[in-house]
């Protein structure tokens, strides 16, 4: 099953790229520039495609991204520090981002004869992002079957949708993912900040998976306080 992968260059999608490649299924990588402040992640997506020997499609949605205002990922708003599941992380939502990207990716897949489009949405994203939840992915898959009926048969592959980020680290490690060649931090600095929600989640995932984290962080220890504070708040 030739599979096109929507890849940001982050830990989750690069891990999935290596999992698919190890299964002989990866046909291409599709990435999007939507004006994200951490667009350096796209360099890691491009490097992943080169490393795995598949075509790389970079789709320019920067004009559209500018219209999707109100997110700390595209506007001049502070990216909050703390645990990923905190209410403050809602400021990082980009409206309909996955729906838009997947729609484009399905078109590319259909045009190139691919049998599936894969995305690395996972259970840890459900609280914050509505277009990472099973209800969305199930509905989107049904919509695409109708959209391409009679032209192409392209499935949606979301193997991590009921899994945790620690599960992704475990799967990525088994597939030989070079984790240092992935980018997660929403602040887009020279190194991972270690304090924003996605850095905290990344660091916690390696800890829970029992896999060494090769990432260089500006603040490598903050995640422990953020996890403890979140746990105390939910007690």
Foldseek 3Di string as FASTA:
>chain_A
DAEEEADQLALQRLLVQLLCLVVVHYAEYEYEPQQFLQSVSVVLSVVSCVVSVHYYHYYYNNVVSQVQDQAVRHDVDDQDFFALLDPSNLSHDRPCVVVVRVVVVLVVCLVVVHAEYEYAQADVCVNRYVCSAPVNQVVSQVVVCVVCPPRGHYGYHHPHSHHALLVSVVSSVVSPRPNQSGDFASNNDPFRACTGNRNLSVLVSCVVNVHDHPGDHVDNPVSVVRVVVVVVVVD
